[in-house]
C-alpha atoms as a PDB file:
ATOM      1  CA  UNK A   1     -25.670 -29.721 -29.161  1.00  0.00           C
ATOM      2  CA  UNK A   2     -24.317 -26.778 -31.136  1.00  0.00           C
ATOM      3  CA  UNK A   3     -27.228 -24.572 -30.059  1.00  0.00           C
ATOM      4  CA  UNK A   4     -26.592 -25.257 -26.345  1.00  0.00           C
ATOM      5  CA  UNK A   5     -22.872 -24.547 -26.807  1.00  0.00           C
ATOM      6  CA  UNK A   6     -23.677 -21.284 -28.591  1.00  0.00           C
ATOM      7  CA  UNK A   7     -25.903 -20.125 -25.727  1.00  0.00           C
ATOM      8  CA  UNK A   8     -23.175 -20.874 -23.188  1.00  0.00           C
ATOM      9  CA  UNK A   9     -20.553 -18.931 -25.164  1.00  0.00           C
ATOM     10  CA  UNK A  10     -22.855 -15.930 -25.660  1.00  0.00           C
ATOM     11  CA  UNK A  11     -23.627 -15.940 -21.932  1.00  0.00           C
ATOM     12  CA  UNK A  12     -19.897 -15.854 -21.182  1.00  0.00           C
ATOM     13  CA  UNK A  13     -19.375 -12.985 -23.637  1.00  0.00           C
ATOM     14  CA  UNK A  14     -22.117 -10.982 -21.915  1.00  0.00           C
ATOM     15  CA  UNK A  15     -20.576 -11.671 -18.491  1.00  0.00           C
ATOM     16  CA  UNK A  16     -17.076 -10.654 -19.611  1.00  0.00           C
ATOM     17  CA  UNK A  17     -18.403  -7.445 -21.158  1.00  0.00           C
ATOM     18  CA  UNK A  18     -20.077  -6.542 -17.856  1.00  0.00           C
ATOM     19  CA  UNK A  19     -16.830  -7.201 -16.002  1.00  0.00           C
ATOM     20  CA  UNK A  20     -14.953  -5.083 -18.509  1.00  0.00           C
ATOM     21  CA  UNK A  21     -17.242  -2.118 -17.815  1.00  0.00           C
ATOM     22  CA  UNK A  22     -16.529  -2.412 -14.073  1.00  0.00           C
ATOM     23  CA  UNK A  23     -12.754  -2.682 -14.449  1.00  0.00           C
ATOM     24  CA  UNK A  24     -12.708   0.219 -16.903  1.00  0.00           C
ATOM     25  CA  UNK A  25     -14.703   2.387 -14.495  1.00  0.00           C
ATOM     26  CA  UNK A  26     -12.369   1.487 -11.608  1.00  0.00           C
ATOM     27  CA  UNK A  27      -9.349   2.303 -13.777  1.00  0.00           C
ATOM     28  CA  UNK A  28     -10.733   5.763 -14.570  1.00  0.00           C
ATOM     29  CA  UNK A  29     -11.598   6.450 -10.921  1.00  0.00           C
ATOM     30  CA  UNK A  30      -8.095   5.464  -9.781  1.00  0.00           C
ATOM     31  CA  UNK A  31      -6.541   7.598 -12.527  1.00  0.00           C
ATOM     32  CA  UNK A  32      -8.532  10.641 -11.404  1.00  0.00           C
ATOM     33  CA  UNK A  33      -7.668  10.147  -7.729  1.00  0.00           C
ATOM     34  CA  UNK A  34      -3.960   9.609  -8.208  1.00  0.00           C
ATOM     35  CA  UNK A  35      -3.447  13.179  -9.428  1.00  0.00           C
ATOM     36  CA  UNK A  36      -4.872  14.713  -6.246  1.00  0.00           C
ATOM     37  CA  UNK A  37      -3.080  12.178  -4.038  1.00  0.00           C
ATOM     38  CA  UNK A  38       0.250  12.912  -5.739  1.00  0.00           C
ATOM     39  CA  UNK A  39      -0.190  16.665  -5.253  1.00  0.00           C
ATOM     40  CA  UNK A  40      -0.892  16.199  -1.529  1.00  0.00           C
ATOM     41  CA  UNK A  41       2.105  13.904  -1.157  1.00  0.00           C
ATOM     42  CA  UNK A  42       4.503  16.287  -2.903  1.00  0.00           C
ATOM     43  CA  UNK A  43       3.289  19.276  -0.886  1.00  0.00           C
ATOM     44  CA  UNK A  44       3.984  17.443   2.388  1.00  0.00           C
ATOM     45  CA  UNK A  45       7.354  16.004   1.362  1.00  0.00           C
ATOM     46  CA  UNK A  46       9.170  19.325   1.739  1.00  0.00           C
ATOM     47  CA  UNK A  47       8.020  19.724   5.343  1.00  0.00           C
ATOM     48  CA  UNK A  48       8.767  16.114   6.255  1.00  0.00           C
ATOM     49  CA  UNK A  49      12.224  16.198   4.643  1.00  0.00           C
ATOM     50  CA  UNK A  50      13.253  19.369   6.491  1.00  0.00           C
ATOM     51  CA  UNK A  51      11.907  17.991   9.782  1.00  0.00           C
ATOM     52  CA  UNK A  52      13.852  14.756   9.299  1.00  0.00           C
ATOM     53  CA  UNK A  53      16.988  16.750   8.580  1.00  0.00           C
ATOM     54  CA  UNK A  54      16.593  18.808  11.751  1.00  0.00           C
ATOM     55  CA  UNK A  55      15.978  15.714  13.889  1.00  0.00           C
ATOM     56  CA  UNK A  56      19.004  13.972  12.358  1.00  0.00           C
ATOM     57  CA  UNK A  57      21.082  17.072  13.143  1.00  0.00           C
ATOM     58  CA  UNK A  58      19.877  17.022  16.743  1.00  0.00           C
ATOM     59  CA  UNK A  59      20.680  13.336  17.087  1.00  0.00           C
ATOM     60  CA  UNK A  60      24.144  14.014  15.722  1.00  0.00           C
ATOM     61  CA  UNK A  61      24.607  16.483  18.560  1.00  0.00           C
ATOM     62  CA  UNK A  62      23.794  13.778  21.110  1.00  0.00           C
ATOM     63  CA  UNK A  63      20.217  14.802  21.792  1.00  0.00           C
ATOM     64  CA  UNK A  64      19.001  11.213  22.256  1.00  0.00           C
ATOM     65  CA  UNK A  65      21.808   9.863  24.420  1.00  0.00           C
ATOM     66  CA  UNK A  66      19.940  10.442  27.655  1.00  0.00           C
ATOM     67  CA  UNK A  67      16.682   8.987  26.362  1.00  0.00           C
ATOM     68  CA  UNK A  68      18.451   5.894  25.047  1.00  0.00           C
ATOM     69  CA  UNK A  69      20.041   5.194  28.435  1.00  0.00           C
ATOM     70  CA  UNK A  70      16.779   5.637  30.337  1.00  0.00           C
ATOM     71  CA  UNK A  71      14.620   3.577  27.975  1.00  0.00           C
ATOM     72  CA  UNK A  72      15.481  -0.057  28.682  1.00  0.00           C
ATOM     73  CA  UNK A  73      12.246  -1.544  27.310  1.00  0.00           C
ATOM     74  CA  UNK A  74      12.445  -4.554  25.022  1.00  0.00           C
ATOM     75  CA  UNK A  75       9.231  -3.756  23.151  1.00  0.00           C
ATOM     76  CA  UNK A  76       9.144  -2.808  19.455  1.00  0.00           C
ATOM     77  CA  UNK A  77       6.086  -1.381  17.700  1.00  0.00           C
ATOM     78  CA  UNK A  78       5.500  -2.046  14.000  1.00  0.00           C
ATOM     79  CA  UNK A  79       2.999   0.190  12.190  1.00  0.00           C
ATOM     80  CA  UNK A  80       1.866  -1.496   8.957  1.00  0.00           C
ATOM     81  CA  UNK A  81       0.032   0.608   6.368  1.00  0.00           C
ATOM     82  CA  UNK A  82      -2.114  -1.352   3.885  1.00  0.00           C
ATOM     83  CA  UNK A  83      -5.354  -0.586   2.036  1.00  0.00           C
ATOM     84  CA  UNK A  84      -8.994  -1.014   3.003  1.00  0.00           C
ATOM     85  CA  UNK A  85      -9.936  -2.344  -0.438  1.00  0.00           C
ATOM     86  CA  UNK A  86      -8.479  -4.945  -2.754  1.00  0.00           C
ATOM     87  CA  UNK A  87      -8.096  -5.131  -6.543  1.00  0.00           C
ATOM     88  CA  UNK A  88      -4.784  -3.265  -6.382  1.00  0.00           C
ATOM     89  CA  UNK A  89      -2.422  -5.857  -7.828  1.00  0.00           C
ATOM     90  CA  UNK A  90       0.532  -6.714  -5.599  1.00  0.00           C
ATOM     91  CA  UNK A  91       0.240  -3.573  -3.466  1.00  0.00           C
ATOM     92  CA  UNK A  92      -0.860  -5.291  -0.231  1.00  0.00           C
ATOM     93  CA  UNK A  93       1.107  -8.482  -0.871  1.00  0.00           C
ATOM     94  CA  UNK A  94       4.453  -6.677  -1.015  1.00  0.00           C
ATOM     95  CA  UNK A  95       4.001  -4.666   2.178  1.00  0.00           C
ATOM     96  CA  UNK A  96       2.586  -7.628   4.137  1.00  0.00           C
ATOM     97  CA  UNK A  97       5.555  -9.768   3.120  1.00  0.00           C
ATOM     98  CA  UNK A  98       7.918  -7.018   4.303  1.00  0.00           C
ATOM     99  CA  UNK A  99       5.984  -6.783   7.588  1.00  0.00           C
ATOM    100  CA  UNK A 100       6.287 -10.526   8.190  1.00  0.00           C
ATOM    101  CA  UNK A 101      10.035 -10.394   7.532  1.00  0.00           C
ATOM    102  CA  UNK A 102      10.509  -7.461   9.929  1.00  0.00           C
ATOM    103  CA  UNK A 103       8.418  -9.156  12.586  1.00  0.00           C
ATOM    104  CA  UNK A 104      10.468 -12.352  12.285  1.00  0.00           C
ATOM    105  CA  UNK A 105      13.692 -10.346  12.481  1.00  0.00           C
ATOM    106  CA  UNK A 106      12.655  -8.603  15.704  1.00  0.00           C
ATOM    107  CA  UNK A 107      11.401 -11.837  17.261  1.00  0.00           C
ATOM    108  CA  UNK A 108      14.721 -13.503  16.444  1.00  0.00           C
ATOM    109  CA  UNK A 109      16.372 -10.732  18.488  1.00  0.00           C
ATOM    110  CA  UNK A 110      14.194 -11.766  21.471  1.00  0.00           C
ATOM    111  CA  UNK A 111      12.151  -8.589  21.347  1.00  0.00           C
ATOM    112  CA  UNK A 112       8.510  -8.207  22.207  1.00  0.00           C
ATOM    113  CA  UNK A 113       6.632  -7.095  19.088  1.00  0.00           C
ATOM    114  CA  UNK A 114       3.414  -5.096  19.057  1.00  0.00           C
ATOM    115  CA  UNK A 115       1.582  -4.628  15.792  1.00  0.00           C
ATOM    116  CA  UNK A 116      -0.473  -1.602  14.745  1.00  0.00           C
ATOM    117  CA  UNK A 117      -2.380  -2.033  11.479  1.00  0.00           C
ATOM    118  CA  UNK A 118      -3.693   0.804   9.342  1.00  0.00           C
ATOM    119  CA  UNK A 119      -6.005  -0.649   6.704  1.00  0.00           C
ATOM    120  CA  UNK A 120      -8.497  -3.501   6.646  1.00  0.00           C
ATOM    121  CA  UNK A 121      -6.298  -5.800   4.548  1.00  0.00           C
ATOM    122  CA  UNK A 122      -3.446  -5.772   7.047  1.00  0.00           C
ATOM    123  CA  UNK A 123      -5.788  -6.333   9.983  1.00  0.00           C
ATOM    124  CA  UNK A 124      -7.450  -9.321   8.345  1.00  0.00           C
ATOM    125  CA  UNK A 125      -4.126 -10.785   7.239  1.00  0.00           C
ATOM    126  CA  UNK A 126      -2.544 -10.850  10.697  1.00  0.00           C
ATOM    127  CA  UNK A 127      -5.745 -11.803  12.544  1.00  0.00           C
ATOM    128  CA  UNK A 128      -6.075 -14.828  10.255  1.00  0.00           C
ATOM    129  CA  UNK A 129      -2.556 -15.837  11.328  1.00  0.00           C
ATOM    130  CA  UNK A 130      -3.417 -15.447  15.037  1.00  0.00           C
ATOM    131  CA  UNK A 131      -1.294 -12.348  15.514  1.00  0.00           C
ATOM    132  CA  UNK A 132      -3.747  -9.757  16.756  1.00  0.00           C
ATOM    133  CA  UNK A 133      -2.984  -6.069  16.486  1.00  0.00           C
ATOM    134  CA  UNK A 134      -2.944  -3.913  19.602  1.00  0.00           C
ATOM    135  CA  UNK A 135      -4.598  -1.134  17.596  1.00  0.00           C
ATOM    136  CA  UNK A 136      -6.502  -1.350  14.313  1.00  0.00           C
ATOM    137  CA  UNK A 137      -7.502   1.571  12.078  1.00  0.00           C
ATOM    138  CA  UNK A 138      -9.763   1.526   9.026  1.00  0.00           C
ATOM    139  CA  UNK A 139     -11.100   4.163   6.648  1.00  0.00           C
ATOM    140  CA  UNK A 140      -7.823   6.086   6.751  1.00  0.00           C
ATOM    141  CA  UNK A 141      -5.797   5.108   3.707  1.00  0.00           C
ATOM    142  CA  UNK A 142      -7.991   6.346   0.852  1.00  0.00           C
ATOM    143  CA  UNK A 143      -7.725  10.069   1.677  1.00  0.00           C
ATOM    144  CA  UNK A 144      -5.545  10.339   4.813  1.00  0.00           C
ATOM    145  CA  UNK A 145      -5.703  13.414   7.018  1.00  0.00           C
ATOM    146  CA  UNK A 146      -3.172  14.688   9.539  1.00  0.00           C
ATOM    147  CA  UNK A 147      -5.647  13.974  12.348  1.00  0.00           C
ATOM    148  CA  UNK A 148      -5.557  10.318  11.321  1.00  0.00           C
ATOM    149  CA  UNK A 149      -1.777  10.227  11.740  1.00  0.00           C
ATOM    150  CA  UNK A 150      -2.109  11.938  15.122  1.00  0.00           C
ATOM    151  CA  UNK A 151      -4.680   9.379  16.283  1.00  0.00           C
ATOM    152  CA  UNK A 152      -2.478   6.445  15.250  1.00  0.00           C
ATOM    153  CA  UNK A 153       0.667   7.899  16.797  1.00  0.00           C
ATOM    154  CA  UNK A 154      -0.792   9.162  20.083  1.00  0.00           C
ATOM    155  CA  UNK A 155      -0.686   5.824  22.008  1.00  0.00           C
ATOM    156  CA  UNK A 156       2.716   4.994  20.495  1.00  0.00           C
ATOM    157  CA  UNK A 157       4.225   8.317  21.616  1.00  0.00           C
ATOM    158  CA  UNK A 158       2.732   7.884  25.090  1.00  0.00           C
ATOM    159  CA  UNK A 159       4.237   4.411  25.338  1.00  0.00           C
ATOM    160  CA  UNK A 160       7.644   5.713  24.299  1.00  0.00           C
ATOM    161  CA  UNK A 161       7.540   8.623  26.741  1.00  0.00           C
ATOM    162  CA  UNK A 162       6.603   6.258  29.564  1.00  0.00           C
ATOM    163  CA  UNK A 163       9.476   3.933  28.715  1.00  0.00           C
ATOM    164  CA  UNK A 164       7.226   1.051  27.599  1.00  0.00           C
ATOM    165  CA  UNK A 165       8.401   1.180  23.968  1.00  0.00           C
ATOM    166  CA  UNK A 166      12.006   1.240  22.802  1.00  0.00           C
ATOM    167  CA  UNK A 167      11.682   0.952  19.011  1.00  0.00           C
ATOM    168  CA  UNK A 168       9.108   2.138  16.474  1.00  0.00           C
ATOM    169  CA  UNK A 169       8.988   1.154  12.799  1.00  0.00           C
ATOM    170  CA  UNK A 170       6.700   2.213   9.956  1.00  0.00           C
ATOM    171  CA  UNK A 171       6.109  -0.114   7.017  1.00  0.00           C
ATOM    172  CA  UNK A 172       4.509   1.576   4.024  1.00  0.00           C
ATOM    173  CA  UNK A 173       4.655   1.699   0.245  1.00  0.00           C
ATOM    174  CA  UNK A 174       6.829   4.495  -1.083  1.00  0.00           C
ATOM    175  CA  UNK A 175       5.583   6.117  -4.280  1.00  0.00           C
ATOM    176  CA  UNK A 176       8.395   6.550  -6.800  1.00  0.00           C
ATOM    177  CA  UNK A 177       6.450   6.831 -10.055  1.00  0.00           C
ATOM    178  CA  UNK A 178       3.188   5.676 -11.585  1.00  0.00           C
ATOM    179  CA  UNK A 179       4.917   2.441 -12.575  1.00  0.00           C
ATOM    180  CA  UNK A 180       7.159   1.934  -9.551  1.00  0.00           C
ATOM    181  CA  UNK A 181       6.272   1.653  -5.860  1.00  0.00           C
ATOM    182  CA  UNK A 182       8.497   0.144  -3.186  1.00  0.00           C
ATOM    183  CA  UNK A 183       7.653  -1.504   0.129  1.00  0.00           C
ATOM    184  CA  UNK A 184       9.671   0.497   2.667  1.00  0.00           C
ATOM    185  CA  UNK A 185      10.671  -0.069   6.290  1.00  0.00           C
ATOM    186  CA  UNK A 186      11.499   3.153   8.158  1.00  0.00           C
ATOM    187  CA  UNK A 187      12.810   3.247  11.714  1.00  0.00           C
ATOM    188  CA  UNK A 188      11.231   6.122  13.600  1.00  0.00           C
ATOM    189  CA  UNK A 189      12.657   5.537  17.064  1.00  0.00           C
ATOM    190  CA  UNK A 190      15.331   5.519  18.142  1.00  0.00           C
ATOM    191  CA  UNK A 191      16.341   8.010  15.475  1.00  0.00           C
ATOM    192  CA  UNK A 192      19.372   6.753  13.592  1.00  0.00           C
ATOM    193  CA  UNK A 193      21.894   9.514  12.926  1.00  0.00           C
ATOM    194  CA  UNK A 194      23.618   9.759   9.597  1.00  0.00           C
ATOM    195  CA  UNK A 195      27.113   8.447   9.073  1.00  0.00           C
ATOM    196  CA  UNK A 196      30.055  10.773   9.565  1.00  0.00           C
ATOM    197  CA  UNK A 197      30.333  11.361   5.834  1.00  0.00           C
ATOM    198  CA  UNK A 198      26.674  12.272   5.498  1.00  0.00           C
ATOM    199  CA  UNK A 199      26.915  14.461   8.576  1.00  0.00           C
ATOM    200  CA  UNK A 200      29.758  16.457   7.019  1.00  0.00           C
ATOM    201  CA  UNK A 201      27.721  16.935   3.848  1.00  0.00           C
ATOM    202  CA  UNK A 202      24.707  18.017   5.890  1.00  0.00           C
ATOM    203  CA  UNK A 203      26.763  20.629   7.705  1.00  0.00           C
ATOM    204  CA  UNK A 204      27.769  22.108   4.373  1.00  0.00           C
ATOM    205  CA  UNK A 205      24.209  22.209   2.987  1.00  0.00           C
ATOM    206  CA  UNK A 206      21.899  22.623   5.981  1.00  0.00           C
ATOM    207  CA  UNK A 207      22.831  26.215   6.726  1.00  0.00           C
ATOM    208  CA  UNK A 208      24.104  25.470  10.262  1.00  0.00           C
ATOM    209  CA  UNK A 209      21.166  25.184  12.661  1.00  0.00           C
ATOM    210  CA  UNK A 210      21.482  26.605  16.167  1.00  0.00           C
ATOM    211  CA  UNK A 211      19.181  25.321  18.897  1.00  0.00           C
ATOM    212  CA  UNK A 212      17.859  27.091  21.957  1.00  0.00           C
ATOM    213  CA  UNK A 213      17.673  26.287  24.803  1.00  0.00           C
ATOM    214  CA  UNK A 214      19.509  22.961  24.147  1.00  0.00           C
ATOM    215  CA  UNK A 215      19.412  20.134  21.581  1.00  0.00           C
ATOM    216  CA  UNK A 216      18.012  17.722  24.201  1.00  0.00           C
ATOM    217  CA  UNK A 217      15.075  19.952  25.136  1.00  0.00           C
ATOM    218  CA  UNK A 218      14.322  20.888  21.548  1.00  0.00           C
ATOM    219  CA  UNK A 219      14.395  17.235  20.494  1.00  0.00           C
ATOM    220  CA  UNK A 220      12.078  16.239  23.347  1.00  0.00           C
ATOM    221  CA  UNK A 221       9.423  18.650  22.058  1.00  0.00           C
ATOM    222  CA  UNK A 222      10.133  17.839  18.410  1.00  0.00           C
ATOM    223  CA  UNK A 223       9.876  14.036  18.563  1.00  0.00           C
ATOM    224  CA  UNK A 224       6.019  13.904  18.629  1.00  0.00           C
ATOM    225  CA  UNK A 225       5.800  16.329  15.691  1.00  0.00           C
ATOM    226  CA  UNK A 226       8.454  14.343  13.843  1.00  0.00           C
ATOM    227  CA  UNK A 227       6.596  11.048  14.351  1.00  0.00           C
ATOM    228  CA  UNK A 228       3.201  12.483  13.366  1.00  0.00           C
ATOM    229  CA  UNK A 229       4.576  14.200  10.267  1.00  0.00           C
ATOM    230  CA  UNK A 230       6.542  11.126   9.178  1.00  0.00           C
ATOM    231  CA  UNK A 231       3.506   8.865   9.541  1.00  0.00           C
ATOM    232  CA  UNK A 232       1.351  11.360   7.653  1.00  0.00           C
ATOM    233  CA  UNK A 233       3.912  11.383   4.834  1.00  0.00           C
ATOM    234  CA  UNK A 234       3.883   7.573   4.838  1.00  0.00           C
ATOM    235  CA  UNK A 235       0.077   7.553   4.627  1.00  0.00           C
ATOM    236  CA  UNK A 236       0.153   9.947   1.669  1.00  0.00           C
ATOM    237  CA  UNK A 237       2.798   7.826  -0.083  1.00  0.00           C
ATOM    238  CA  UNK A 238       0.733   4.695   0.530  1.00  0.00           C
ATOM    239  CA  UNK A 239      -2.467   6.324  -0.718  1.00  0.00           C
ATOM    240  CA  UNK A 240      -0.792   7.460  -3.940  1.00  0.00           C
ATOM    241  CA  UNK A 241       0.810   4.043  -4.414  1.00  0.00           C
ATOM    242  CA  UNK A 242      -2.523   2.299  -3.856  1.00  0.00           C
ATOM    243  CA  UNK A 243      -4.262   4.358  -6.553  1.00  0.00           C
ATOM    244  CA  UNK A 244      -1.371   3.786  -8.965  1.00  0.00           C
ATOM    245  CA  UNK A 245      -1.369   0.024  -8.336  1.00  0.00           C
ATOM    246  CA  UNK A 246      -5.144  -0.193  -8.734  1.00  0.00           C
ATOM    247  CA  UNK A 247      -5.028   1.823 -11.957  1.00  0.00           C
ATOM    248  CA  UNK A 248      -2.437  -0.553 -13.439  1.00  0.00           C
ATOM    249  CA  UNK A 249      -4.260  -3.660 -12.207  1.00  0.00           C
ATOM    250  CA  UNK A 250      -7.622  -2.523 -13.598  1.00  0.00           C
ATOM    251  CA  UNK A 251      -6.049  -1.511 -16.910  1.00  0.00           C
ATOM    252  CA  UNK A 252      -4.525  -4.976 -17.224  1.00  0.00           C
ATOM    253  CA  UNK A 253      -7.876  -6.554 -16.304  1.00  0.00           C
ATOM    254  CA  UNK A 254      -9.666  -4.463 -18.940  1.00  0.00           C
ATOM    255  CA  UNK A 255      -7.161  -5.485 -21.614  1.00  0.00           C
ATOM    256  CA  UNK A 256      -7.481  -9.147 -20.601  1.00  0.00           C
ATOM    257  CA  UNK A 257     -11.274  -8.871 -20.846  1.00  0.00           C
ATOM    258  CA  UNK A 258     -10.981  -7.434 -24.355  1.00  0.00           C
ATOM    259  CA  UNK A 259      -8.713 -10.314 -25.404  1.00  0.00           C
ATOM    260  CA  UNK A 260     -11.105 -12.870 -23.885  1.00  0.00           C
ATOM    261  CA  UNK A 261     -14.074 -11.297 -25.693  1.00  0.00           C
ATOM    262  CA  UNK A 262     -12.234 -11.670 -29.011  1.00  0.00           C
ATOM    263  CA  UNK A 263     -11.520 -15.350 -28.303  1.00  0.00           C
ATOM    264  CA  UNK A 264     -15.099 -16.053 -27.226  1.00  0.00           C
ATOM    265  CA  UNK A 265     -16.509 -14.190 -30.230  1.00  0.00           C
ATOM    266  CA  UNK A 266     -14.403 -16.383 -32.507  1.00  0.00           C
ATOM    267  CA  UNK A 267     -15.688 -19.497 -30.744  1.00  0.00           C
ATOM    268  CA  UNK A 268     -19.251 -18.190 -31.034  1.00  0.00           C
ATOM    269  CA  UNK A 269     -18.861 -17.683 -34.773  1.00  0.00           C
ATOM    270  CA  UNK A 270     -17.463 -21.184 -35.157  1.00  0.00           C
ATOM    271  CA  UNK A 271     -20.325 -22.654 -33.128  1.00  0.00           C
ATOM    272  CA  UNK A 272     -22.891 -20.731 -35.191  1.00  0.00           C
ATOM    273  CA  UNK A 273     -21.273 -21.923 -38.436  1.00  0.00           C
ATOM    274  CA  UNK A 274     -21.347 -25.502 -37.165  1.00  0.00           C
ATOM    275  CA  UNK A 275     -25.022 -25.075 -36.266  1.00  0.00           C
ATOM    276  CA  UNK A 276     -25.848 -23.709 -39.732  1.00  0.00           C
ATOM    277  CA  UNK A 277     -23.909 -26.513 -41.410  1.00  0.00           C
ATOM    278  CA  UNK A 278     -25.809 -29.085 -39.347  1.00  0.00           C
ATOM    279  CA  UNK A 279     -29.169 -27.555 -40.263  1.00  0.00           C
ATOM    280  CA  UNK A 280     -28.255 -27.496 -43.976  1.00  0.00           C
ATOM    281  CA  UNK A 281     -27.170 -31.145 -43.797  1.00  0.00           C
ATOM    282  CA  UNK A 282     -30.458 -32.083 -42.142  1.00  0.00           C
ATOM    283  CA  UNK A 283     -32.467 -30.222 -44.795  1.00  0.00           C
ATOM    284  CA  UNK A 284     -30.529 -31.839 -47.641  1.00  0.00           C
ATOM    285  CA  UNK A 285     -30.862 -35.256 -46.070  1.00  0.00           C
ATOM    286  CA  UNK A 286     -34.605 -34.796 -45.592  1.00  0.00           C
ATOM    287  CA  UNK A 287     -35.074 -33.643 -49.199  1.00  0.00           C
ATOM    288  CA  UNK A 288     -33.167 -36.685 -50.498  1.00  0.00           C
ATOM    289  CA  UNK A 289     -35.287 -38.978 -48.355  1.00  0.00           C
ATOM    290  CA  UNK A 290     -38.524 -37.480 -49.747  1.00  0.00           C
ATOM    291  CA  UNK A 291     -37.215 -37.774 -53.303  1.00  0.00           C
ATOM    292  CA  UNK A 292     -36.636 -41.469 -52.881  1.00  0.00           C
END
């Protein structure tokens, strides 16, 4: 009995050690990728921030008034950015929960909702719940490129220009630090202008932009670039957040494996001691029987 138990425990120890090697390797891979992903994200943030500031300034000058009056569509597009792979802790769970909440909010406002998923996890999640995406993209989130953002945004921009889409939202995971990432909902269209207080601060710090030929015409040409750049920034944030979440999750898994190995090793030692004690008892008993 003790011998069979010992074999089972040793088999479990071997299995846990193999798992530990995998989780440790995945942790190191994620740690090496996060550095490059963070550098790409930070290099693009400056461009995206300035572009957002310019668009907000244009909206403050009334550049979207005409478009808002002409676009009477009731359709909203939600672009959800998840990962293609799992084992990243609560990374996908948080963004999918936020997507469900936003979808329910728009449906409660009697709006038609179209879903665009970027990442295999998001596609599978909504398909399982019988809410099919109008467009699905995979193989983008690990190392996103600007062409990927352009491909995702192209049909959305066309729908907006043709008056078929009135609202566009991006749901992604914003990278704050290696320990903190936040599921974020950003409204792309219609562009929401800052409050009056923020507008006054912007006028003091933005350097006073002047637009030629007119804010409306400039904004019309700038909207596609603004949407592509914003989505690309969201993809870079999501990629960095994914690597950070996976690194933390695999580190925790490696530490749990180490703790489990210690517990199993202790049980193995106890089982081996019990086996030795049993054998000694059998030998002593046999010797006593022969002596009699």
